[in-house]
Amino acid sequence: MVAPGDVDDDLNDEVREECEGKYGPVAQCIVFEVPFRVPPEEAVRIFVEFVHESDAAKAMAGLNGRFFGGRKLAVTKFDKAQFDRRDLAP
């Protein structure tokens, strides 16, 4: 979605607002920059937890493969326990 170093203070709010507006209530949104060297397309991960699993499914269908800023989004479901531990790196 964004390149390493392009993360700004507004990105979290922008993602949250777009997801809530199109798919449903968001419990939390986390923008995570991987702290070690990875391919550029894996360097920034954005995690969106929806209040309702059905809304998460709609978001996955609507966002996966979409282009944003010239980058193709890869949307996957993430392990809940790993997310809760904030173990977010690849």
PDB file of N, CA and C in Angstrom:
ATOM      1  N   MET A   1       0.832  -1.187   0.000  1.00  0.00           N
ATOM      2  CA  MET A   1       0.000   0.000   0.000  1.00  0.00           C
ATOM      3  C   MET A   1       0.875   1.247   0.000  1.00  0.00           C
ATOM      4  N   VAL A   2       1.913   1.256   0.850  1.00  0.00           N
ATOM      5  CA  VAL A   2       2.878   2.357   0.858  1.00  0.00           C
ATOM      6  C   VAL A   2       4.278   1.770   0.915  1.00  0.00           C
ATOM      7  N   ALA A   3       5.229   2.560   0.470  1.00  0.00           N
ATOM      8  CA  ALA A   3       6.621   2.127   0.469  1.00  0.00           C
ATOM      9  C   ALA A   3       7.254   2.389   1.831  1.00  0.00           C
ATOM     10  N   PRO A   4       8.339   1.673   2.116  1.00  0.00           N
ATOM     11  CA  PRO A   4       9.060   1.958   3.358  1.00  0.00           C
ATOM     12  C   PRO A   4       9.458   3.432   3.386  1.00  0.00           C
ATOM     13  N   GLY A   5       9.308   4.055   4.514  1.00  0.00           N
ATOM     14  CA  GLY A   5       9.642   5.467   4.650  1.00  0.00           C
ATOM     15  C   GLY A   5       8.518   6.405   4.248  1.00  0.00           C
ATOM     16  N   ASP A   6       7.456   5.884   3.626  1.00  0.00           N
ATOM     17  CA  ASP A   6       6.322   6.720   3.222  1.00  0.00           C
ATOM     18  C   ASP A   6       5.193   6.718   4.245  1.00  0.00           C
ATOM     19  N   VAL A   7       5.393   6.033   5.349  1.00  0.00           N
ATOM     20  CA  VAL A   7       4.369   5.989   6.395  1.00  0.00           C
ATOM     21  C   VAL A   7       4.346   7.340   7.093  1.00  0.00           C
ATOM     22  N   ASP A   8       3.156   7.936   7.173  1.00  0.00           N
ATOM     23  CA  ASP A   8       3.037   9.200   7.892  1.00  0.00           C
ATOM     24  C   ASP A   8       1.993   9.070   8.993  1.00  0.00           C
ATOM     25  N   ASP A   9       1.861  10.112   9.783  1.00  0.00           N
ATOM     26  CA  ASP A   9       0.967  10.081  10.939  1.00  0.00           C
ATOM     27  C   ASP A   9      -0.503   9.921  10.557  1.00  0.00           C
ATOM     28  N   ASP A  10      -0.861  10.269   9.336  1.00  0.00           N
ATOM     29  CA  ASP A  10      -2.263  10.223   8.917  1.00  0.00           C
ATOM     30  C   ASP A  10      -2.685   8.877   8.332  1.00  0.00           C
ATOM     31  N   LEU A  11      -1.729   8.026   7.980  1.00  0.00           N
ATOM     32  CA  LEU A  11      -2.052   6.786   7.279  1.00  0.00           C
ATOM     33  C   LEU A  11      -3.004   5.898   8.074  1.00  0.00           C
ATOM     34  N   ASN A  12      -2.759   5.740   9.350  1.00  0.00           N
ATOM     35  CA  ASN A  12      -3.611   4.899  10.190  1.00  0.00           C
ATOM     36  C   ASN A  12      -5.057   5.386  10.143  1.00  0.00           C
ATOM     37  N   ASP A  13      -5.250   6.679  10.358  1.00  0.00           N
ATOM     38  CA  ASP A  13      -6.606   7.242  10.350  1.00  0.00           C
ATOM     39  C   ASP A  13      -7.263   7.117   8.976  1.00  0.00           C
ATOM     40  N   GLU A  14      -6.481   7.326   7.911  1.00  0.00           N
ATOM     41  CA  GLU A  14      -7.027   7.237   6.557  1.00  0.00           C
ATOM     42  C   GLU A  14      -7.512   5.822   6.252  1.00  0.00           C
ATOM     43  N   VAL A  15      -6.711   4.829   6.615  1.00  0.00           N
ATOM     44  CA  VAL A  15      -7.089   3.434   6.368  1.00  0.00           C
ATOM     45  C   VAL A  15      -8.322   3.079   7.186  1.00  0.00           C
ATOM     46  N   ARG A  16      -8.307   3.456   8.443  1.00  0.00           N
ATOM     47  CA  ARG A  16      -9.438   3.150   9.334  1.00  0.00           C
ATOM     48  C   ARG A  16     -10.735   3.760   8.793  1.00  0.00           C
ATOM     49  N   GLU A  17     -10.679   5.042   8.422  1.00  0.00           N
ATOM     50  CA  GLU A  17     -11.875   5.728   7.930  1.00  0.00           C
ATOM     51  C   GLU A  17     -12.397   5.096   6.639  1.00  0.00           C
ATOM     52  N   GLU A  18     -11.497   4.750   5.725  1.00  0.00           N
ATOM     53  CA  GLU A  18     -11.935   4.133   4.470  1.00  0.00           C
ATOM     54  C   GLU A  18     -12.562   2.764   4.734  1.00  0.00           C
ATOM     55  N   CYS A  19     -11.934   1.981   5.589  1.00  0.00           N
ATOM     56  CA  CYS A  19     -12.474   0.646   5.885  1.00  0.00           C
ATOM     57  C   CYS A  19     -13.822   0.733   6.596  1.00  0.00           C
ATOM     58  N   GLU A  20     -13.950   1.646   7.539  1.00  0.00           N
ATOM     59  CA  GLU A  20     -15.229   1.793   8.243  1.00  0.00           C
ATOM     60  C   GLU A  20     -16.321   2.274   7.299  1.00  0.00           C
ATOM     61  N   GLY A  21     -15.968   3.197   6.411  1.00  0.00           N
ATOM     62  CA  GLY A  21     -16.952   3.737   5.481  1.00  0.00           C
ATOM     63  C   GLY A  21     -17.449   2.721   4.463  1.00  0.00           C
ATOM     64  N   LYS A  22     -16.576   1.802   4.049  1.00  0.00           N
ATOM     65  CA  LYS A  22     -16.946   0.848   3.001  1.00  0.00           C
ATOM     66  C   LYS A  22     -17.364  -0.518   3.527  1.00  0.00           C
ATOM     67  N   TYR A  23     -16.812  -0.929   4.680  1.00  0.00           N
ATOM     68  CA  TYR A  23     -16.991  -2.323   5.093  1.00  0.00           C
ATOM     69  C   TYR A  23     -17.632  -2.520   6.458  1.00  0.00           C
ATOM     70  N   GLY A  24     -17.463  -1.585   7.388  1.00  0.00           N
ATOM     71  CA  GLY A  24     -18.076  -1.743   8.704  1.00  0.00           C
ATOM     72  C   GLY A  24     -17.150  -1.314   9.826  1.00  0.00           C
ATOM     73  N   PRO A  25     -17.634  -1.388  11.066  1.00  0.00           N
ATOM     74  CA  PRO A  25     -16.875  -0.894  12.217  1.00  0.00           C
ATOM     75  C   PRO A  25     -15.523  -1.595  12.386  1.00  0.00           C
ATOM     76  N   VAL A  26     -14.506  -0.785  12.658  1.00  0.00           N
ATOM     77  CA  VAL A  26     -13.147  -1.278  12.863  1.00  0.00           C
ATOM     78  C   VAL A  26     -12.830  -1.248  14.351  1.00  0.00           C
ATOM     79  N   ALA A  27     -12.353  -2.367  14.877  1.00  0.00           N
ATOM     80  CA  ALA A  27     -11.948  -2.436  16.285  1.00  0.00           C
ATOM     81  C   ALA A  27     -10.599  -1.757  16.477  1.00  0.00           C
ATOM     82  N   GLN A  28      -9.669  -2.036  15.568  1.00  0.00           N
ATOM     83  CA  GLN A  28      -8.362  -1.381  15.629  1.00  0.00           C
ATOM     84  C   GLN A  28      -7.654  -1.488  14.290  1.00  0.00           C
ATOM     85  N   CYS A  29      -6.754  -0.535  14.072  1.00  0.00           N
ATOM     86  CA  CYS A  29      -5.957  -0.475  12.856  1.00  0.00           C
ATOM     87  C   CYS A  29      -4.518  -0.212  13.278  1.00  0.00           C
ATOM     88  N   ILE A  30      -3.596  -0.996  12.735  1.00  0.00           N
ATOM     89  CA  ILE A  30      -2.183  -0.854  13.083  1.00  0.00           C
ATOM     90  C   ILE A  30      -1.373  -0.787  11.799  1.00  0.00           C
ATOM     91  N   VAL A  31      -0.550   0.245  11.666  1.00  0.00           N
ATOM     92  CA  VAL A  31       0.404   0.347  10.571  1.00  0.00           C
ATOM     93  C   VAL A  31       1.748  -0.070  11.150  1.00  0.00           C
ATOM     94  N   PHE A  32       2.347  -1.103  10.566  1.00  0.00           N
ATOM     95  CA  PHE A  32       3.568  -1.707  11.108  1.00  0.00           C
ATOM     96  C   PHE A  32       4.657  -1.697  10.049  1.00  0.00           C
ATOM     97  N   GLU A  33       5.776  -1.050  10.363  1.00  0.00           N
ATOM     98  CA  GLU A  33       6.939  -1.089   9.486  1.00  0.00           C
ATOM     99  C   GLU A  33       7.859  -2.195   9.983  1.00  0.00           C
ATOM    100  N   VAL A  34       8.143  -3.165   9.129  1.00  0.00           N
ATOM    101  CA  VAL A  34       8.992  -4.294   9.498  1.00  0.00           C
ATOM    102  C   VAL A  34      10.374  -3.753   9.855  1.00  0.00           C
ATOM    103  N   PRO A  35      10.891  -4.104  11.048  1.00  0.00           N
ATOM    104  CA  PRO A  35      12.129  -3.492  11.541  1.00  0.00           C
ATOM    105  C   PRO A  35      13.413  -4.100  10.988  1.00  0.00           C
ATOM    106  N   PHE A  36      13.317  -4.993  10.027  1.00  0.00           N
ATOM    107  CA  PHE A  36      14.514  -5.578   9.432  1.00  0.00           C
ATOM    108  C   PHE A  36      14.324  -5.639   7.924  1.00  0.00           C
ATOM    109  N   ARG A  37      15.402  -5.953   7.224  1.00  0.00           N
ATOM    110  CA  ARG A  37      15.400  -5.911   5.758  1.00  0.00           C
ATOM    111  C   ARG A  37      14.513  -7.017   5.168  1.00  0.00           C
ATOM    112  N   VAL A  38      13.546  -6.586   4.389  1.00  0.00           N
ATOM    113  CA  VAL A  38      12.659  -7.478   3.639  1.00  0.00           C
ATOM    114  C   VAL A  38      12.426  -6.836   2.270  1.00  0.00           C
ATOM    115  N   PRO A  39      11.886  -7.564   1.313  1.00  0.00           N
ATOM    116  CA  PRO A  39      11.559  -6.933   0.028  1.00  0.00           C
ATOM    117  C   PRO A  39      10.636  -5.733   0.252  1.00  0.00           C
ATOM    118  N   PRO A  40      10.782  -4.685  -0.545  1.00  0.00           N
ATOM    119  CA  PRO A  40       9.996  -3.462  -0.335  1.00  0.00           C
ATOM    120  C   PRO A  40       8.494  -3.691  -0.250  1.00  0.00           C
ATOM    121  N   GLU A  41       7.971  -4.657  -1.015  1.00  0.00           N
ATOM    122  CA  GLU A  41       6.527  -4.901  -0.984  1.00  0.00           C
ATOM    123  C   GLU A  41       6.062  -5.543   0.321  1.00  0.00           C
ATOM    124  N   GLU A  42       7.001  -5.994   1.156  1.00  0.00           N
ATOM    125  CA  GLU A  42       6.656  -6.591   2.449  1.00  0.00           C
ATOM    126  C   GLU A  42       7.051  -5.710   3.631  1.00  0.00           C
ATOM    127  N   ALA A  43       7.608  -4.541   3.368  1.00  0.00           N
ATOM    128  CA  ALA A  43       8.189  -3.714   4.425  1.00  0.00           C
ATOM    129  C   ALA A  43       7.167  -2.990   5.291  1.00  0.00           C
ATOM    130  N   VAL A  44       5.988  -2.743   4.755  1.00  0.00           N
ATOM    131  CA  VAL A  44       4.936  -2.073   5.524  1.00  0.00           C
ATOM    132  C   VAL A  44       3.716  -2.985   5.523  1.00  0.00           C
ATOM    133  N   ARG A  45       3.248  -3.298   6.721  1.00  0.00           N
ATOM    134  CA  ARG A  45       2.068  -4.149   6.877  1.00  0.00           C
ATOM    135  C   ARG A  45       0.989  -3.334   7.575  1.00  0.00           C
ATOM    136  N   ILE A  46      -0.217  -3.438   7.077  1.00  0.00           N
ATOM    137  CA  ILE A  46      -1.336  -2.724   7.691  1.00  0.00           C
ATOM    138  C   ILE A  46      -2.350  -3.762   8.151  1.00  0.00           C
ATOM    139  N   PHE A  47      -2.648  -3.720   9.429  1.00  0.00           N
ATOM    140  CA  PHE A  47      -3.565  -4.676  10.044  1.00  0.00           C
ATOM    141  C   PHE A  47      -4.850  -3.956  10.420  1.00  0.00           C
ATOM    142  N   VAL A  48      -5.969  -4.497   9.981  1.00  0.00           N
ATOM    143  CA  VAL A  48      -7.272  -3.926  10.313  1.00  0.00           C
ATOM    144  C   VAL A  48      -8.105  -5.028  10.955  1.00  0.00           C
ATOM    145  N   GLU A  49      -8.500  -4.804  12.195  1.00  0.00           N
ATOM    146  CA  GLU A  49      -9.373  -5.745  12.887  1.00  0.00           C
ATOM    147  C   GLU A  49     -10.781  -5.170  12.890  1.00  0.00           C
ATOM    148  N   PHE A  50     -11.706  -5.905  12.311  1.00  0.00           N
ATOM    149  CA  PHE A  50     -13.096  -5.471  12.258  1.00  0.00           C
ATOM    150  C   PHE A  50     -13.862  -6.008  13.458  1.00  0.00           C
ATOM    151  N   VAL A  51     -14.893  -5.287  13.850  1.00  0.00           N
ATOM    152  CA  VAL A  51     -15.750  -5.718  14.952  1.00  0.00           C
ATOM    153  C   VAL A  51     -16.470  -7.010  14.564  1.00  0.00           C
ATOM    154  N   HIS A  52     -16.913  -7.084  13.307  1.00  0.00           N
ATOM    155  CA  HIS A  52     -17.670  -8.245  12.837  1.00  0.00           C
ATOM    156  C   HIS A  52     -16.866  -8.996  11.779  1.00  0.00           C
ATOM    157  N   GLU A  53     -16.773 -10.299  11.938  1.00  0.00           N
ATOM    158  CA  GLU A  53     -16.014 -11.103  10.984  1.00  0.00           C
ATOM    159  C   GLU A  53     -16.587 -11.011   9.569  1.00  0.00           C
ATOM    160  N   SER A  54     -17.885 -10.835   9.455  1.00  0.00           N
ATOM    161  CA  SER A  54     -18.494 -10.712   8.124  1.00  0.00           C
ATOM    162  C   SER A  54     -17.998  -9.453   7.407  1.00  0.00           C
ATOM    163  N   ASP A  55     -17.736  -8.390   8.163  1.00  0.00           N
ATOM    164  CA  ASP A  55     -17.190  -7.165   7.567  1.00  0.00           C
ATOM    165  C   ASP A  55     -15.747  -7.387   7.123  1.00  0.00           C
ATOM    166  N   ALA A  56     -14.998  -8.162   7.892  1.00  0.00           N
ATOM    167  CA  ALA A  56     -13.621  -8.493   7.502  1.00  0.00           C
ATOM    168  C   ALA A  56     -13.621  -9.261   6.187  1.00  0.00           C
ATOM    169  N   ALA A  57     -14.557 -10.181   6.035  1.00  0.00           N
ATOM    170  CA  ALA A  57     -14.651 -10.952   4.792  1.00  0.00           C
ATOM    171  C   ALA A  57     -14.975 -10.041   3.609  1.00  0.00           C
ATOM    172  N   LYS A  58     -15.869  -9.077   3.810  1.00  0.00           N
ATOM    173  CA  LYS A  58     -16.200  -8.119   2.743  1.00  0.00           C
ATOM    174  C   LYS A  58     -14.971  -7.288   2.376  1.00  0.00           C
ATOM    175  N   ALA A  59     -14.215  -6.860   3.383  1.00  0.00           N
ATOM    176  CA  ALA A  59     -13.016  -6.058   3.130  1.00  0.00           C
ATOM    177  C   ALA A  59     -11.967  -6.865   2.373  1.00  0.00           C
ATOM    178  N   MET A  60     -11.789  -8.113   2.766  1.00  0.00           N
ATOM    179  CA  MET A  60     -10.818  -8.959   2.066  1.00  0.00           C
ATOM    180  C   MET A  60     -11.188  -9.094   0.592  1.00  0.00           C
ATOM    181  N   ALA A  61     -12.460  -9.337   0.319  1.00  0.00           N
ATOM    182  CA  ALA A  61     -12.914  -9.482  -1.065  1.00  0.00           C
ATOM    183  C   ALA A  61     -12.782  -8.170  -1.840  1.00  0.00           C
ATOM    184  N   GLY A  62     -13.059  -7.057  -1.177  1.00  0.00           N
ATOM    185  CA  GLY A  62     -13.030  -5.767  -1.849  1.00  0.00           C
ATOM    186  C   GLY A  62     -11.644  -5.183  -2.047  1.00  0.00           C
ATOM    187  N   LEU A  63     -10.708  -5.538  -1.173  1.00  0.00           N
ATOM    188  CA  LEU A  63      -9.385  -4.924  -1.221  1.00  0.00           C
ATOM    189  C   LEU A  63      -8.311  -5.792  -1.874  1.00  0.00           C
ATOM    190  N   ASN A  64      -8.435  -7.091  -1.794  1.00  0.00           N
ATOM    191  CA  ASN A  64      -7.390  -7.970  -2.314  1.00  0.00           C
ATOM    192  C   ASN A  64      -7.248  -7.801  -3.822  1.00  0.00           C
ATOM    193  N   GLY A  65      -6.024  -7.526  -4.254  1.00  0.00           N
ATOM    194  CA  GLY A  65      -5.744  -7.337  -5.670  1.00  0.00           C
ATOM    195  C   GLY A  65      -5.967  -5.926  -6.173  1.00  0.00           C
ATOM    196  N   ARG A  66      -6.540  -5.075  -5.345  1.00  0.00           N
ATOM    197  CA  ARG A  66      -6.775  -3.678  -5.719  1.00  0.00           C
ATOM    198  C   ARG A  66      -5.436  -2.938  -5.770  1.00  0.00           C
ATOM    199  N   PHE A  67      -5.334  -1.952  -6.633  1.00  0.00           N
ATOM    200  CA  PHE A  67      -4.120  -1.146  -6.710  1.00  0.00           C
ATOM    201  C   PHE A  67      -4.309   0.137  -5.921  1.00  0.00           C
ATOM    202  N   PHE A  68      -3.293   0.498  -5.162  1.00  0.00           N
ATOM    203  CA  PHE A  68      -3.303   1.722  -4.368  1.00  0.00           C
ATOM    204  C   PHE A  68      -1.934   2.359  -4.524  1.00  0.00           C
ATOM    205  N   GLY A  69      -1.883   3.561  -5.082  1.00  0.00           N
ATOM    206  CA  GLY A  69      -0.601   4.232  -5.284  1.00  0.00           C
ATOM    207  C   GLY A  69       0.354   3.431  -6.151  1.00  0.00           C
ATOM    208  N   GLY A  70      -0.195   2.705  -7.126  1.00  0.00           N
ATOM    209  CA  GLY A  70       0.643   1.907  -8.010  1.00  0.00           C
ATOM    210  C   GLY A  70       1.074   0.570  -7.434  1.00  0.00           C
ATOM    211  N   ARG A  71       0.611   0.247  -6.239  1.00  0.00           N
ATOM    212  CA  ARG A  71       0.976  -1.018  -5.595  1.00  0.00           C
ATOM    213  C   ARG A  71      -0.252  -1.909  -5.480  1.00  0.00           C
ATOM    214  N   LYS A  72      -0.050  -3.178  -5.780  1.00  0.00           N
ATOM    215  CA  LYS A  72      -1.144  -4.146  -5.680  1.00  0.00           C
ATOM    216  C   LYS A  72      -1.245  -4.641  -4.239  1.00  0.00           C
ATOM    217  N   LEU A  73      -2.442  -4.561  -3.681  1.00  0.00           N
ATOM    218  CA  LEU A  73      -2.657  -4.997  -2.305  1.00  0.00           C
ATOM    219  C   LEU A  73      -2.784  -6.514  -2.236  1.00  0.00           C
ATOM    220  N   ALA A  74      -2.153  -7.090  -1.227  1.00  0.00           N
ATOM    221  CA  ALA A  74      -2.294  -8.515  -0.923  1.00  0.00           C
ATOM    222  C   ALA A  74      -2.938  -8.596   0.455  1.00  0.00           C
ATOM    223  N   VAL A  75      -4.179  -9.039   0.507  1.00  0.00           N
ATOM    224  CA  VAL A  75      -4.946  -9.058   1.750  1.00  0.00           C
ATOM    225  C   VAL A  75      -5.100 -10.503   2.208  1.00  0.00           C
ATOM    226  N   THR A  76      -4.734 -10.753   3.452  1.00  0.00           N
ATOM    227  CA  THR A  76      -4.862 -12.095   4.019  1.00  0.00           C
ATOM    228  C   THR A  76      -5.406 -12.001   5.433  1.00  0.00           C
ATOM    229  N   LYS A  77      -5.944 -13.108   5.884  1.00  0.00           N
ATOM    230  CA  LYS A  77      -6.377 -13.204   7.280  1.00  0.00           C
ATOM    231  C   LYS A  77      -5.137 -13.508   8.117  1.00  0.00           C
ATOM    232  N   PHE A  78      -5.030 -12.872   9.279  1.00  0.00           N
ATOM    233  CA  PHE A  78      -3.856 -13.019  10.135  1.00  0.00           C
ATOM    234  C   PHE A  78      -4.254 -13.742  11.413  1.00  0.00           C
ATOM    235  N   ASP A  79      -3.349 -14.524  11.943  1.00  0.00           N
ATOM    236  CA  ASP A  79      -3.608 -15.276  13.169  1.00  0.00           C
ATOM    237  C   ASP A  79      -3.946 -14.337  14.327  1.00  0.00           C
ATOM    238  N   LYS A  80      -5.104 -14.544  14.947  1.00  0.00           N
ATOM    239  CA  LYS A  80      -5.592 -13.660  16.022  1.00  0.00           C
ATOM    240  C   LYS A  80      -4.654 -13.651  17.226  1.00  0.00           C
ATOM    241  N   ALA A  81      -4.166 -14.807  17.657  1.00  0.00           N
ATOM    242  CA  ALA A  81      -3.268 -14.863  18.818  1.00  0.00           C
ATOM    243  C   ALA A  81      -1.969 -14.121  18.526  1.00  0.00           C
ATOM    244  N   GLN A  82      -1.451 -14.291  17.333  1.00  0.00           N
ATOM    245  CA  GLN A  82      -0.227 -13.597  16.933  1.00  0.00           C
ATOM    246  C   GLN A  82      -0.468 -12.088  16.889  1.00  0.00           C
ATOM    247  N   PHE A  83      -1.614 -11.685  16.376  1.00  0.00           N
ATOM    248  CA  PHE A  83      -1.979 -10.271  16.335  1.00  0.00           C
ATOM    249  C   PHE A  83      -2.085  -9.705  17.751  1.00  0.00           C
ATOM    250  N   ASP A  84      -2.748 -10.422  18.631  1.00  0.00           N
ATOM    251  CA  ASP A  84      -2.918  -9.955  20.011  1.00  0.00           C
ATOM    252  C   ASP A  84      -1.579  -9.804  20.731  1.00  0.00           C
ATOM    253  N   ARG A  85      -0.601 -10.640  20.368  1.00  0.00           N
ATOM    254  CA  ARG A  85       0.751 -10.537  20.955  1.00  0.00           C
ATOM    255  C   ARG A  85       1.576  -9.436  20.284  1.00  0.00           C
ATOM    256  N   ARG A  86       1.029  -8.866  19.221  1.00  0.00           N
ATOM    257  CA  ARG A  86       1.727  -7.867  18.398  1.00  0.00           C
ATOM    258  C   ARG A  86       2.979  -8.454  17.754  1.00  0.00           C
ATOM    259  N   ASP A  87       2.915  -9.728  17.431  1.00  0.00           N
ATOM    260  CA  ASP A  87       3.970 -10.419  16.698  1.00  0.00           C
ATOM    261  C   ASP A  87       3.633 -10.258  15.220  1.00  0.00           C
ATOM    262  N   LEU A  88       3.945  -9.090  14.667  1.00  0.00           N
ATOM    263  CA  LEU A  88       3.422  -8.685  13.367  1.00  0.00           C
ATOM    264  C   LEU A  88       4.403  -8.831  12.208  1.00  0.00           C
ATOM    265  N   ALA A  89       5.655  -9.120  12.505  1.00  0.00           N
ATOM    266  CA  ALA A  89       6.666  -9.235  11.453  1.00  0.00           C
ATOM    267  C   ALA A  89       6.506 -10.554  10.701  1.00  0.00           C
ATOM    268  N   PRO A  90       6.982 -10.583   9.450  1.00  0.00           N
ATOM    269  CA  PRO A  90       6.901 -11.841   8.673  1.00  0.00           C
ATOM    270  C   PRO A  90       7.779 -12.929   9.272  1.00  0.00           C
TER     271      PRO A  90
END
